[in-house]
Amino acid sequence: MSERTFSPAEANAELDDLRERLPRLRAARHELIETSERISEAVGVDGGGVEGSAWFRAQQTLEAEVRWLADRGILLRDPESGLVDFPHELEGRTVYLCWKLGEGDIGYYHEVHAGYGGRRPL
């Protein structure tokens, strides 16, 4: 199966959902990390207790958000900053439309192996 490609307009159409979902993904990731640490500390006392249920909820949220991205063909690059890539065909080659939470519309792309540091204006 070939990778889905996005036009800039198609990628821009995903941004409202991403603005809602990426902060939720980041919060779930933070909760997972924090509750994992608390579970490790509590396991000797009470087997993890209440923290285990918080960890499970965070894990479910994180999984749902990552699956939502994958189902759409959106590539999560950095959950902390909300950096995502959209595969795009430019002049016969695959590049990535690059967007980060807090930016406006899609305005940049980079070559497949260039990464965020190689971003260029569309």
PDB file of N, CA and C in Angstrom:
ATOM      1  N   MET A   1       0.843  -1.177   0.000  1.00  0.00           N
ATOM      2  CA  MET A   1       0.000   0.000   0.000  1.00  0.00           C
ATOM      3  C   MET A   1       0.888   1.240   0.000  1.00  0.00           C
ATOM      4  N   SER A   2       0.566   2.190  -0.853  1.00  0.00           N
ATOM      5  CA  SER A   2       1.386   3.395  -0.920  1.00  0.00           C
ATOM      6  C   SER A   2       0.936   4.402   0.130  1.00  0.00           C
ATOM      7  N   GLU A   3       1.881   5.259   0.483  1.00  0.00           N
ATOM      8  CA  GLU A   3       1.640   6.282   1.486  1.00  0.00           C
ATOM      9  C   GLU A   3       0.703   7.343   0.917  1.00  0.00           C
ATOM     10  N   ARG A   4      -0.241   7.769   1.716  1.00  0.00           N
ATOM     11  CA  ARG A   4      -1.134   8.845   1.315  1.00  0.00           C
ATOM     12  C   ARG A   4      -0.329  10.126   1.155  1.00  0.00           C
ATOM     13  N   THR A   5      -0.657  10.912   0.151  1.00  0.00           N
ATOM     14  CA  THR A   5      -0.051  12.231   0.013  1.00  0.00           C
ATOM     15  C   THR A   5      -1.136  13.289   0.169  1.00  0.00           C
ATOM     16  N   PHE A   6      -0.722  14.452   0.632  1.00  0.00           N
ATOM     17  CA  PHE A   6      -1.622  15.563   0.893  1.00  0.00           C
ATOM     18  C   PHE A   6      -1.254  16.733  -0.005  1.00  0.00           C
ATOM     19  N   SER A   7      -2.251  17.419  -0.501  1.00  0.00           N
ATOM     20  CA  SER A   7      -2.018  18.739  -1.095  1.00  0.00           C
ATOM     21  C   SER A   7      -1.945  19.722   0.075  1.00  0.00           C
ATOM     22  N   PRO A   8      -1.410  20.908  -0.141  1.00  0.00           N
ATOM     23  CA  PRO A   8      -1.435  21.889   0.947  1.00  0.00           C
ATOM     24  C   PRO A   8      -2.861  22.156   1.458  1.00  0.00           C
ATOM     25  N   ALA A   9      -3.837  22.209   0.564  1.00  0.00           N
ATOM     26  CA  ALA A   9      -5.227  22.441   0.982  1.00  0.00           C
ATOM     27  C   ALA A   9      -5.744  21.290   1.843  1.00  0.00           C
ATOM     28  N   GLU A  10      -5.414  20.057   1.476  1.00  0.00           N
ATOM     29  CA  GLU A  10      -5.846  18.896   2.273  1.00  0.00           C
ATOM     30  C   GLU A  10      -5.181  18.906   3.656  1.00  0.00           C
ATOM     31  N   ALA A  11      -3.907  19.252   3.693  1.00  0.00           N
ATOM     32  CA  ALA A  11      -3.216  19.326   4.983  1.00  0.00           C
ATOM     33  C   ALA A  11      -3.817  20.440   5.843  1.00  0.00           C
ATOM     34  N   ASN A  12      -4.075  21.596   5.241  1.00  0.00           N
ATOM     35  CA  ASN A  12      -4.681  22.703   5.986  1.00  0.00           C
ATOM     36  C   ASN A  12      -6.050  22.321   6.546  1.00  0.00           C
ATOM     37  N   ALA A  13      -6.791  21.474   5.825  1.00  0.00           N
ATOM     38  CA  ALA A  13      -8.110  21.049   6.284  1.00  0.00           C
ATOM     39  C   ALA A  13      -8.030  20.206   7.561  1.00  0.00           C
ATOM     40  N   GLU A  14      -6.871  19.633   7.851  1.00  0.00           N
ATOM     41  CA  GLU A  14      -6.679  18.818   9.062  1.00  0.00           C
ATOM     42  C   GLU A  14      -6.293  19.653  10.285  1.00  0.00           C
ATOM     43  N   LEU A  15      -5.924  20.907  10.088  1.00  0.00           N
ATOM     44  CA  LEU A  15      -5.317  21.688  11.157  1.00  0.00           C
ATOM     45  C   LEU A  15      -6.246  21.980  12.332  1.00  0.00           C
ATOM     46  N   ASP A  16      -7.526  22.243  12.080  1.00  0.00           N
ATOM     47  CA  ASP A  16      -8.432  22.503  13.208  1.00  0.00           C
ATOM     48  C   ASP A  16      -8.482  21.302  14.146  1.00  0.00           C
ATOM     49  N   ASP A  17      -8.590  20.099  13.574  1.00  0.00           N
ATOM     50  CA  ASP A  17      -8.586  18.893  14.407  1.00  0.00           C
ATOM     51  C   ASP A  17      -7.252  18.741  15.134  1.00  0.00           C
ATOM     52  N   LEU A  18      -6.153  19.020  14.443  1.00  0.00           N
ATOM     53  CA  LEU A  18      -4.837  18.895  15.069  1.00  0.00           C
ATOM     54  C   LEU A  18      -4.656  19.881  16.215  1.00  0.00           C
ATOM     55  N   ARG A  19      -5.178  21.071  16.065  1.00  0.00           N
ATOM     56  CA  ARG A  19      -5.081  22.072  17.138  1.00  0.00           C
ATOM     57  C   ARG A  19      -5.811  21.614  18.401  1.00  0.00           C
ATOM     58  N   GLU A  20      -6.811  20.790  18.231  1.00  0.00           N
ATOM     59  CA  GLU A  20      -7.538  20.237  19.374  1.00  0.00           C
ATOM     60  C   GLU A  20      -6.866  18.968  19.906  1.00  0.00           C
ATOM     61  N   ARG A  21      -6.419  18.110  19.027  1.00  0.00           N
ATOM     62  CA  ARG A  21      -5.929  16.799  19.412  1.00  0.00           C
ATOM     63  C   ARG A  21      -4.487  16.783  19.924  1.00  0.00           C
ATOM     64  N   LEU A  22      -3.613  17.577  19.336  1.00  0.00           N
ATOM     65  CA  LEU A  22      -2.205  17.541  19.739  1.00  0.00           C
ATOM     66  C   LEU A  22      -1.990  17.972  21.187  1.00  0.00           C
ATOM     67  N   PRO A  23      -2.677  19.002  21.692  1.00  0.00           N
ATOM     68  CA  PRO A  23      -2.523  19.305  23.126  1.00  0.00           C
ATOM     69  C   PRO A  23      -3.040  18.164  24.014  1.00  0.00           C
ATOM     70  N   ARG A  24      -4.094  17.495  23.597  1.00  0.00           N
ATOM     71  CA  ARG A  24      -4.615  16.355  24.358  1.00  0.00           C
ATOM     72  C   ARG A  24      -3.608  15.208  24.350  1.00  0.00           C
ATOM     73  N   LEU A  25      -2.975  14.975  23.218  1.00  0.00           N
ATOM     74  CA  LEU A  25      -1.940  13.943  23.111  1.00  0.00           C
ATOM     75  C   LEU A  25      -0.767  14.281  24.017  1.00  0.00           C
ATOM     76  N   ARG A  26      -0.336  15.536  23.989  1.00  0.00           N
ATOM     77  CA  ARG A  26       0.791  15.968  24.830  1.00  0.00           C
ATOM     78  C   ARG A  26       0.454  15.813  26.314  1.00  0.00           C
ATOM     79  N   ALA A  27      -0.767  16.213  26.698  1.00  0.00           N
ATOM     80  CA  ALA A  27      -1.181  16.094  28.105  1.00  0.00           C
ATOM     81  C   ALA A  27      -1.235  14.627  28.533  1.00  0.00           C
ATOM     82  N   ALA A  28      -1.736  13.760  27.664  1.00  0.00           N
ATOM     83  CA  ALA A  28      -1.794  12.330  27.994  1.00  0.00           C
ATOM     84  C   ALA A  28      -0.391  11.754  28.129  1.00  0.00           C
ATOM     85  N   ARG A  29       0.512  12.190  27.283  1.00  0.00           N
ATOM     86  CA  ARG A  29       1.905  11.731  27.372  1.00  0.00           C
ATOM     87  C   ARG A  29       2.527  12.157  28.698  1.00  0.00           C
ATOM     88  N   HIS A  30       2.305  13.408  29.084  1.00  0.00           N
ATOM     89  CA  HIS A  30       2.831  13.904  30.367  1.00  0.00           C
ATOM     90  C   HIS A  30       2.242  13.106  31.527  1.00  0.00           C
ATOM     91  N   GLU A  31       0.925  12.869  31.481  1.00  0.00           N
ATOM     92  CA  GLU A  31       0.267  12.113  32.552  1.00  0.00           C
ATOM     93  C   GLU A  31       0.824  10.697  32.628  1.00  0.00           C
ATOM     94  N   LEU A  32       1.062  10.095  31.485  1.00  0.00           N
ATOM     95  CA  LEU A  32       1.621   8.741  31.448  1.00  0.00           C
ATOM     96  C   LEU A  32       3.001   8.707  32.099  1.00  0.00           C
ATOM     97  N   ILE A  33       3.822   9.669  31.781  1.00  0.00           N
ATOM     98  CA  ILE A  33       5.170   9.736  32.366  1.00  0.00           C
ATOM     99  C   ILE A  33       5.088   9.972  33.868  1.00  0.00           C
ATOM    100  N   GLU A  34       4.278  10.940  34.274  1.00  0.00           N
ATOM    101  CA  GLU A  34       4.166  11.268  35.701  1.00  0.00           C
ATOM    102  C   GLU A  34       3.575  10.120  36.509  1.00  0.00           C
ATOM    103  N   THR A  35       2.518   9.496  35.995  1.00  0.00           N
ATOM    104  CA  THR A  35       1.916   8.396  36.754  1.00  0.00           C
ATOM    105  C   THR A  35       2.827   7.176  36.757  1.00  0.00           C
ATOM    106  N   SER A  36       3.597   6.969  35.705  1.00  0.00           N
ATOM    107  CA  SER A  36       4.560   5.856  35.708  1.00  0.00           C
ATOM    108  C   SER A  36       5.563   6.029  36.834  1.00  0.00           C
ATOM    109  N   GLU A  37       6.023   7.253  37.017  1.00  0.00           N
ATOM    110  CA  GLU A  37       6.974   7.526  38.099  1.00  0.00           C
ATOM    111  C   GLU A  37       6.329   7.296  39.462  1.00  0.00           C
ATOM    112  N   ARG A  38       5.078   7.771  39.628  1.00  0.00           N
ATOM    113  CA  ARG A  38       4.392   7.584  40.909  1.00  0.00           C
ATOM    114  C   ARG A  38       4.078   6.111  41.169  1.00  0.00           C
ATOM    115  N   ILE A  39       3.745   5.366  40.111  1.00  0.00           N
ATOM    116  CA  ILE A  39       3.480   3.933  40.270  1.00  0.00           C
ATOM    117  C   ILE A  39       4.748   3.226  40.727  1.00  0.00           C
ATOM    118  N   SER A  40       5.865   3.578  40.107  1.00  0.00           N
ATOM    119  CA  SER A  40       7.132   2.957  40.498  1.00  0.00           C
ATOM    120  C   SER A  40       7.432   3.197  41.966  1.00  0.00           C
ATOM    121  N   GLU A  41       7.145   4.400  42.435  1.00  0.00           N
ATOM    122  CA  GLU A  41       7.383   4.722  43.838  1.00  0.00           C
ATOM    123  C   GLU A  41       6.404   4.002  44.763  1.00  0.00           C
ATOM    124  N   ALA A  42       5.142   3.848  44.323  1.00  0.00           N
ATOM    125  CA  ALA A  42       4.093   3.284  45.177  1.00  0.00           C
ATOM    126  C   ALA A  42       4.015   1.765  45.129  1.00  0.00           C
ATOM    127  N   VAL A  43       4.614   1.153  44.130  1.00  0.00           N
ATOM    128  CA  VAL A  43       4.443  -0.286  43.949  1.00  0.00           C
ATOM    129  C   VAL A  43       4.882  -1.087  45.172  1.00  0.00           C
ATOM    130  N   GLY A  44       5.878  -0.630  45.859  1.00  0.00           N
ATOM    131  CA  GLY A  44       6.333  -1.337  47.048  1.00  0.00           C
ATOM    132  C   GLY A  44       5.368  -1.226  48.213  1.00  0.00           C
ATOM    133  N   VAL A  45       4.535  -0.185  48.191  1.00  0.00           N
ATOM    134  CA  VAL A  45       3.611   0.063  49.291  1.00  0.00           C
ATOM    135  C   VAL A  45       2.238  -0.546  49.030  1.00  0.00           C
ATOM    136  N   ASP A  46       1.656  -0.223  47.858  1.00  0.00           N
ATOM    137  CA  ASP A  46       0.284  -0.677  47.615  1.00  0.00           C
ATOM    138  C   ASP A  46       0.063  -1.256  46.215  1.00  0.00           C
ATOM    139  N   GLY A  47       1.129  -1.618  45.523  1.00  0.00           N
ATOM    140  CA  GLY A  47       0.991  -2.229  44.205  1.00  0.00           C
ATOM    141  C   GLY A  47       0.641  -1.252  43.100  1.00  0.00           C
ATOM    142  N   GLY A  48       0.710   0.031  43.340  1.00  0.00           N
ATOM    143  CA  GLY A  48       0.410   1.025  42.303  1.00  0.00           C
ATOM    144  C   GLY A  48      -0.903   1.725  42.521  1.00  0.00           C
ATOM    145  N   GLY A  49      -1.864   1.046  43.091  1.00  0.00           N
ATOM    146  CA  GLY A  49      -3.145   1.606  43.505  1.00  0.00           C
ATOM    147  C   GLY A  49      -3.822   2.508  42.509  1.00  0.00           C
ATOM    148  N   VAL A  50      -4.292   3.648  42.991  1.00  0.00           N
ATOM    149  CA  VAL A  50      -5.065   4.605  42.212  1.00  0.00           C
ATOM    150  C   VAL A  50      -4.279   5.123  41.013  1.00  0.00           C
ATOM    151  N   GLU A  51      -2.993   5.280  41.145  1.00  0.00           N
ATOM    152  CA  GLU A  51      -2.174   5.779  40.039  1.00  0.00           C
ATOM    153  C   GLU A  51      -2.288   4.884  38.812  1.00  0.00           C
ATOM    154  N   GLY A  52      -2.519   3.607  39.039  1.00  0.00           N
ATOM    155  CA  GLY A  52      -2.659   2.682  37.917  1.00  0.00           C
ATOM    156  C   GLY A  52      -3.831   3.027  37.031  1.00  0.00           C
ATOM    157  N   SER A  53      -4.935   3.472  37.594  1.00  0.00           N
ATOM    158  CA  SER A  53      -6.099   3.825  36.785  1.00  0.00           C
ATOM    159  C   SER A  53      -5.849   5.121  36.014  1.00  0.00           C
ATOM    160  N   ALA A  54      -5.136   6.079  36.602  1.00  0.00           N
ATOM    161  CA  ALA A  54      -4.782   7.309  35.892  1.00  0.00           C
ATOM    162  C   ALA A  54      -3.843   6.985  34.732  1.00  0.00           C
ATOM    163  N   TRP A  55      -2.906   6.089  34.974  1.00  0.00           N
ATOM    164  CA  TRP A  55      -1.980   5.667  33.918  1.00  0.00           C
ATOM    165  C   TRP A  55      -2.748   5.027  32.770  1.00  0.00           C
ATOM    166  N   PHE A  56      -3.716   4.169  33.093  1.00  0.00           N
ATOM    167  CA  PHE A  56      -4.487   3.467  32.071  1.00  0.00           C
ATOM    168  C   PHE A  56      -5.294   4.452  31.227  1.00  0.00           C
ATOM    169  N   ARG A  57      -5.937   5.434  31.859  1.00  0.00           N
ATOM    170  CA  ARG A  57      -6.701   6.441  31.110  1.00  0.00           C
ATOM    171  C   ARG A  57      -5.785   7.247  30.187  1.00  0.00           C
ATOM    172  N   ALA A  58      -4.633   7.644  30.690  1.00  0.00           N
ATOM    173  CA  ALA A  58      -3.689   8.410  29.868  1.00  0.00           C
ATOM    174  C   ALA A  58      -3.197   7.576  28.696  1.00  0.00           C
ATOM    175  N   GLN A  59      -2.935   6.308  28.946  1.00  0.00           N
ATOM    176  CA  GLN A  59      -2.471   5.413  27.890  1.00  0.00           C
ATOM    177  C   GLN A  59      -3.539   5.262  26.809  1.00  0.00           C
ATOM    178  N   GLN A  60      -4.790   5.142  27.208  1.00  0.00           N
ATOM    179  CA  GLN A  60      -5.887   5.015  26.239  1.00  0.00           C
ATOM    180  C   GLN A  60      -6.020   6.273  25.388  1.00  0.00           C
ATOM    181  N   THR A  61      -5.920   7.438  26.022  1.00  0.00           N
ATOM    182  CA  THR A  61      -6.009   8.697  25.288  1.00  0.00           C
ATOM    183  C   THR A  61      -4.853   8.834  24.312  1.00  0.00           C
ATOM    184  N   LEU A  62      -3.656   8.565  24.777  1.00  0.00           N
ATOM    185  CA  LEU A  62      -2.476   8.657  23.925  1.00  0.00           C
ATOM    186  C   LEU A  62      -2.603   7.712  22.729  1.00  0.00           C
ATOM    187  N   GLU A  63      -2.998   6.485  22.988  1.00  0.00           N
ATOM    188  CA  GLU A  63      -3.160   5.518  21.904  1.00  0.00           C
ATOM    189  C   GLU A  63      -4.208   5.970  20.894  1.00  0.00           C
ATOM    190  N   ALA A  64      -5.336   6.485  21.377  1.00  0.00           N
ATOM    191  CA  ALA A  64      -6.404   6.933  20.476  1.00  0.00           C
ATOM    192  C   ALA A  64      -5.935   8.086  19.589  1.00  0.00           C
ATOM    193  N   GLU A  65      -5.210   9.023  20.160  1.00  0.00           N
ATOM    194  CA  GLU A  65      -4.742  10.171  19.379  1.00  0.00           C
ATOM    195  C   GLU A  65      -3.679   9.767  18.359  1.00  0.00           C
ATOM    196  N   VAL A  66      -2.770   8.908  18.744  1.00  0.00           N
ATOM    197  CA  VAL A  66      -1.738   8.438  17.802  1.00  0.00           C
ATOM    198  C   VAL A  66      -2.382   7.622  16.681  1.00  0.00           C
ATOM    199  N   ARG A  67      -3.356   6.803  17.026  1.00  0.00           N
ATOM    200  CA  ARG A  67      -4.060   6.014  16.011  1.00  0.00           C
ATOM    201  C   ARG A  67      -4.809   6.930  15.047  1.00  0.00           C
ATOM    202  N   TRP A  68      -5.440   7.988  15.564  1.00  0.00           N
ATOM    203  CA  TRP A  68      -6.157   8.944  14.716  1.00  0.00           C
ATOM    204  C   TRP A  68      -5.203   9.555  13.691  1.00  0.00           C
ATOM    205  N   LEU A  69      -4.021   9.961  14.138  1.00  0.00           N
ATOM    206  CA  LEU A  69      -3.023  10.512  13.225  1.00  0.00           C
ATOM    207  C   LEU A  69      -2.613   9.479  12.171  1.00  0.00           C
ATOM    208  N   ALA A  70      -2.301   8.277  12.612  1.00  0.00           N
ATOM    209  CA  ALA A  70      -1.845   7.224  11.700  1.00  0.00           C
ATOM    210  C   ALA A  70      -2.922   6.874  10.679  1.00  0.00           C
ATOM    211  N   ASP A  71      -4.165   6.803  11.108  1.00  0.00           N
ATOM    212  CA  ASP A  71      -5.258   6.481  10.192  1.00  0.00           C
ATOM    213  C   ASP A  71      -5.403   7.509   9.093  1.00  0.00           C
ATOM    214  N   ARG A  72      -5.021   8.735   9.353  1.00  0.00           N
ATOM    215  CA  ARG A  72      -5.112   9.799   8.358  1.00  0.00           C
ATOM    216  C   ARG A  72      -3.834   9.953   7.535  1.00  0.00           C
ATOM    217  N   GLY A  73      -2.771   9.255   7.923  1.00  0.00           N
ATOM    218  CA  GLY A  73      -1.514   9.372   7.191  1.00  0.00           C
ATOM    219  C   GLY A  73      -0.678  10.555   7.625  1.00  0.00           C
ATOM    220  N   ILE A  74      -0.997  11.132   8.795  1.00  0.00           N
ATOM    221  CA  ILE A  74      -0.242  12.260   9.342  1.00  0.00           C
ATOM    222  C   ILE A  74       0.867  11.692  10.223  1.00  0.00           C
ATOM    223  N   LEU A  75       2.082  12.171  10.043  1.00  0.00           N
ATOM    224  CA  LEU A  75       3.236  11.638  10.753  1.00  0.00           C
ATOM    225  C   LEU A  75       3.576  12.517  11.957  1.00  0.00           C
ATOM    226  N   LEU A  76       3.474  11.950  13.145  1.00  0.00           N
ATOM    227  CA  LEU A  76       3.829  12.664  14.372  1.00  0.00           C
ATOM    228  C   LEU A  76       5.340  12.635  14.520  1.00  0.00           C
ATOM    229  N   ARG A  77       5.957  13.815  14.569  1.00  0.00           N
ATOM    230  CA  ARG A  77       7.411  13.895  14.689  1.00  0.00           C
ATOM    231  C   ARG A  77       7.862  14.237  16.104  1.00  0.00           C
ATOM    232  N   ASP A  78       7.120  15.131  16.770  1.00  0.00           N
ATOM    233  CA  ASP A  78       7.491  15.522  18.130  1.00  0.00           C
ATOM    234  C   ASP A  78       6.218  15.830  18.909  1.00  0.00           C
ATOM    235  N   PRO A  79       5.819  14.923  19.804  1.00  0.00           N
ATOM    236  CA  PRO A  79       4.579  15.150  20.552  1.00  0.00           C
ATOM    237  C   PRO A  79       4.659  16.348  21.489  1.00  0.00           C
ATOM    238  N   GLU A  80       5.834  16.698  21.945  1.00  0.00           N
ATOM    239  CA  GLU A  80       5.966  17.814  22.881  1.00  0.00           C
ATOM    240  C   GLU A  80       5.676  19.148  22.208  1.00  0.00           C
ATOM    241  N   SER A  81       6.226  19.359  21.025  1.00  0.00           N
ATOM    242  CA  SER A  81       6.011  20.629  20.326  1.00  0.00           C
ATOM    243  C   SER A  81       4.814  20.580  19.386  1.00  0.00           C
ATOM    244  N   GLY A  82       4.252  19.397  19.177  1.00  0.00           N
ATOM    245  CA  GLY A  82       3.135  19.268  18.242  1.00  0.00           C
ATOM    246  C   GLY A  82       3.584  19.338  16.799  1.00  0.00           C
ATOM    247  N   LEU A  83       4.744  18.791  16.508  1.00  0.00           N
ATOM    248  CA  LEU A  83       5.306  18.807  15.157  1.00  0.00           C
ATOM    249  C   LEU A  83       4.808  17.597  14.376  1.00  0.00           C
ATOM    250  N   VAL A  84       4.223  17.869  13.207  1.00  0.00           N
ATOM    251  CA  VAL A  84       3.725  16.802  12.335  1.00  0.00           C
ATOM    252  C   VAL A  84       4.173  17.057  10.906  1.00  0.00           C
ATOM    253  N   ASP A  85       4.218  15.987  10.139  1.00  0.00           N
ATOM    254  CA  ASP A  85       4.516  16.057   8.706  1.00  0.00           C
ATOM    255  C   ASP A  85       3.376  15.414   7.930  1.00  0.00           C
ATOM    256  N   PHE A  86       3.156  15.957   6.740  1.00  0.00           N
ATOM    257  CA  PHE A  86       2.182  15.424   5.800  1.00  0.00           C
ATOM    258  C   PHE A  86       2.930  15.045   4.528  1.00  0.00           C
ATOM    259  N   PRO A  87       2.944  13.776   4.126  1.00  0.00           N
ATOM    260  CA  PRO A  87       3.585  13.417   2.864  1.00  0.00           C
ATOM    261  C   PRO A  87       2.949  14.206   1.705  1.00  0.00           C
ATOM    262  N   HIS A  88       3.787  14.674   0.817  1.00  0.00           N
ATOM    263  CA  HIS A  88       3.349  15.527  -0.291  1.00  0.00           C
ATOM    264  C   HIS A  88       4.227  15.219  -1.496  1.00  0.00           C
ATOM    265  N   GLU A  89       3.643  15.275  -2.670  1.00  0.00           N
ATOM    266  CA  GLU A  89       4.432  15.082  -3.883  1.00  0.00           C
ATOM    267  C   GLU A  89       4.754  16.441  -4.483  1.00  0.00           C
ATOM    268  N   LEU A  90       6.038  16.688  -4.666  1.00  0.00           N
ATOM    269  CA  LEU A  90       6.521  17.955  -5.226  1.00  0.00           C
ATOM    270  C   LEU A  90       7.498  17.639  -6.347  1.00  0.00           C
ATOM    271  N   GLU A  91       7.160  18.044  -7.545  1.00  0.00           N
ATOM    272  CA  GLU A  91       8.024  17.850  -8.715  1.00  0.00           C
ATOM    273  C   GLU A  91       8.475  16.403  -8.852  1.00  0.00           C
ATOM    274  N   GLY A  92       7.541  15.472  -8.619  1.00  0.00           N
ATOM    275  CA  GLY A  92       7.807  14.057  -8.828  1.00  0.00           C
ATOM    276  C   GLY A  92       8.511  13.340  -7.683  1.00  0.00           C
ATOM    277  N   ARG A  93       8.735  14.003  -6.583  1.00  0.00           N
ATOM    278  CA  ARG A  93       9.381  13.349  -5.442  1.00  0.00           C
ATOM    279  C   ARG A  93       8.550  13.578  -4.182  1.00  0.00           C
ATOM    280  N   THR A  94       8.723  12.697  -3.226  1.00  0.00           N
ATOM    281  CA  THR A  94       8.023  12.842  -1.960  1.00  0.00           C
ATOM    282  C   THR A  94       8.805  13.780  -1.058  1.00  0.00           C
ATOM    283  N   VAL A  95       8.093  14.744  -0.505  1.00  0.00           N
ATOM    284  CA  VAL A  95       8.618  15.648   0.512  1.00  0.00           C
ATOM    285  C   VAL A  95       7.581  15.665   1.637  1.00  0.00           C
ATOM    286  N   TYR A  96       7.868  16.391   2.696  1.00  0.00           N
ATOM    287  CA  TYR A  96       6.905  16.504   3.787  1.00  0.00           C
ATOM    288  C   TYR A  96       6.494  17.948   3.982  1.00  0.00           C
ATOM    289  N   LEU A  97       5.180  18.180   3.942  1.00  0.00           N
ATOM    290  CA  LEU A  97       4.653  19.452   4.396  1.00  0.00           C
ATOM    291  C   LEU A  97       4.811  19.440   5.907  1.00  0.00           C
ATOM    292  N   CYS A  98       5.373  20.479   6.452  1.00  0.00           N
ATOM    293  CA  CYS A  98       5.774  20.491   7.855  1.00  0.00           C
ATOM    294  C   CYS A  98       4.964  21.546   8.600  1.00  0.00           C
ATOM    295  N   TRP A  99       4.400  21.147   9.744  1.00  0.00           N
ATOM    296  CA  TRP A  99       3.589  22.067  10.538  1.00  0.00           C
ATOM    297  C   TRP A  99       3.810  21.791  12.016  1.00  0.00           C
ATOM    298  N   LYS A 100       3.768  22.863  12.801  1.00  0.00           N
ATOM    299  CA  LYS A 100       3.936  22.741  14.244  1.00  0.00           C
ATOM    300  C   LYS A 100       2.808  23.501  14.930  1.00  0.00           C
ATOM    301  N   LEU A 101       2.311  22.917  16.003  1.00  0.00           N
ATOM    302  CA  LEU A 101       1.256  23.532  16.798  1.00  0.00           C
ATOM    303  C   LEU A 101       1.627  24.969  17.121  1.00  0.00           C
ATOM    304  N   GLY A 102       0.701  25.876  16.889  1.00  0.00           N
ATOM    305  CA  GLY A 102       0.944  27.297  17.115  1.00  0.00           C
ATOM    306  C   GLY A 102       1.162  28.071  15.824  1.00  0.00           C
ATOM    307  N   GLU A 103       1.462  27.359  14.740  1.00  0.00           N
ATOM    308  CA  GLU A 103       1.628  28.016  13.447  1.00  0.00           C
ATOM    309  C   GLU A 103       0.260  28.211  12.803  1.00  0.00           C
ATOM    310  N   GLY A 104       0.226  29.073  11.790  1.00  0.00           N
ATOM    311  CA  GLY A 104      -0.996  29.278  11.014  1.00  0.00           C
ATOM    312  C   GLY A 104      -1.185  28.126  10.046  1.00  0.00           C
ATOM    313  N   ASP A 105      -1.464  28.446   8.805  1.00  0.00           N
ATOM    314  CA  ASP A 105      -1.615  27.421   7.775  1.00  0.00           C
ATOM    315  C   ASP A 105      -0.264  26.802   7.426  1.00  0.00           C
ATOM    316  N   ILE A 106      -0.331  25.715   6.675  1.00  0.00           N
ATOM    317  CA  ILE A 106       0.882  25.049   6.191  1.00  0.00           C
ATOM    318  C   ILE A 106       1.668  26.045   5.347  1.00  0.00           C
ATOM    319  N   GLY A 107       2.904  26.261   5.712  1.00  0.00           N
ATOM    320  CA  GLY A 107       3.714  27.218   4.975  1.00  0.00           C
ATOM    321  C   GLY A 107       5.089  26.700   4.605  1.00  0.00           C
ATOM    322  N   TYR A 108       5.413  25.465   5.038  1.00  0.00           N
ATOM    323  CA  TYR A 108       6.758  24.940   4.841  1.00  0.00           C
ATOM    324  C   TYR A 108       6.726  23.480   4.400  1.00  0.00           C
ATOM    325  N   TYR A 109       7.816  23.088   3.800  1.00  0.00           N
ATOM    326  CA  TYR A 109       8.050  21.678   3.483  1.00  0.00           C
ATOM    327  C   TYR A 109       9.523  21.397   3.718  1.00  0.00           C
ATOM    328  N   HIS A 110       9.856  20.123   3.765  1.00  0.00           N
ATOM    329  CA  HIS A 110      11.260  19.724   3.803  1.00  0.00           C
ATOM    330  C   HIS A 110      11.430  18.406   3.082  1.00  0.00           C
ATOM    331  N   GLU A 111      12.640  18.168   2.635  1.00  0.00           N
ATOM    332  CA  GLU A 111      12.960  16.909   1.985  1.00  0.00           C
ATOM    333  C   GLU A 111      12.831  15.781   3.004  1.00  0.00           C
ATOM    334  N   VAL A 112      12.657  14.571   2.527  1.00  0.00           N
ATOM    335  CA  VAL A 112      12.410  13.421   3.391  1.00  0.00           C
ATOM    336  C   VAL A 112      13.490  13.258   4.458  1.00  0.00           C
ATOM    337  N   HIS A 113      14.737  13.451   4.104  1.00  0.00           N
ATOM    338  CA  HIS A 113      15.832  13.229   5.061  1.00  0.00           C
ATOM    339  C   HIS A 113      16.340  14.519   5.706  1.00  0.00           C
ATOM    340  N   ALA A 114      15.710  15.658   5.406  1.00  0.00           N
ATOM    341  CA  ALA A 114      16.198  16.926   5.922  1.00  0.00           C
ATOM    342  C   ALA A 114      15.685  17.235   7.324  1.00  0.00           C
ATOM    343  N   GLY A 115      14.457  16.888   7.627  1.00  0.00           N
ATOM    344  CA  GLY A 115      13.905  17.188   8.934  1.00  0.00           C
ATOM    345  C   GLY A 115      13.549  18.650   9.104  1.00  0.00           C
ATOM    346  N   TYR A 116      13.112  18.981  10.310  1.00  0.00           N
ATOM    347  CA  TYR A 116      12.634  20.306  10.635  1.00  0.00           C
ATOM    348  C   TYR A 116      13.655  21.405  10.301  1.00  0.00           C
ATOM    349  N   GLY A 117      14.908  21.146  10.545  1.00  0.00           N
ATOM    350  CA  GLY A 117      15.946  22.130  10.278  1.00  0.00           C
ATOM    351  C   GLY A 117      16.100  22.472   8.800  1.00  0.00           C
ATOM    352  N   GLY A 118      15.599  21.602   7.935  1.00  0.00           N
ATOM    353  CA  GLY A 118      15.692  21.838   6.501  1.00  0.00           C
ATOM    354  C   GLY A 118      14.424  22.419   5.891  1.00  0.00           C
ATOM    355  N   ARG A 119      13.562  22.978   6.727  1.00  0.00           N
ATOM    356  CA  ARG A 119      12.300  23.520   6.218  1.00  0.00           C
ATOM    357  C   ARG A 119      12.543  24.657   5.231  1.00  0.00           C
ATOM    358  N   ARG A 120      11.705  24.659   4.200  1.00  0.00           N
ATOM    359  CA  ARG A 120      11.735  25.722   3.202  1.00  0.00           C
ATOM    360  C   ARG A 120      10.312  26.236   2.997  1.00  0.00           C
ATOM    361  N   PRO A 121      10.162  27.494   2.666  1.00  0.00           N
ATOM    362  CA  PRO A 121       8.809  28.009   2.386  1.00  0.00           C
ATOM    363  C   PRO A 121       8.203  27.314   1.164  1.00  0.00           C
ATOM    364  N   LEU A 122       6.897  27.107   1.210  1.00  0.00           N
ATOM    365  CA  LEU A 122       6.215  26.509   0.054  1.00  0.00           C
ATOM    366  C   LEU A 122       6.262  27.443  -1.140  1.00  0.00           C
TER     367      LEU A 122
END
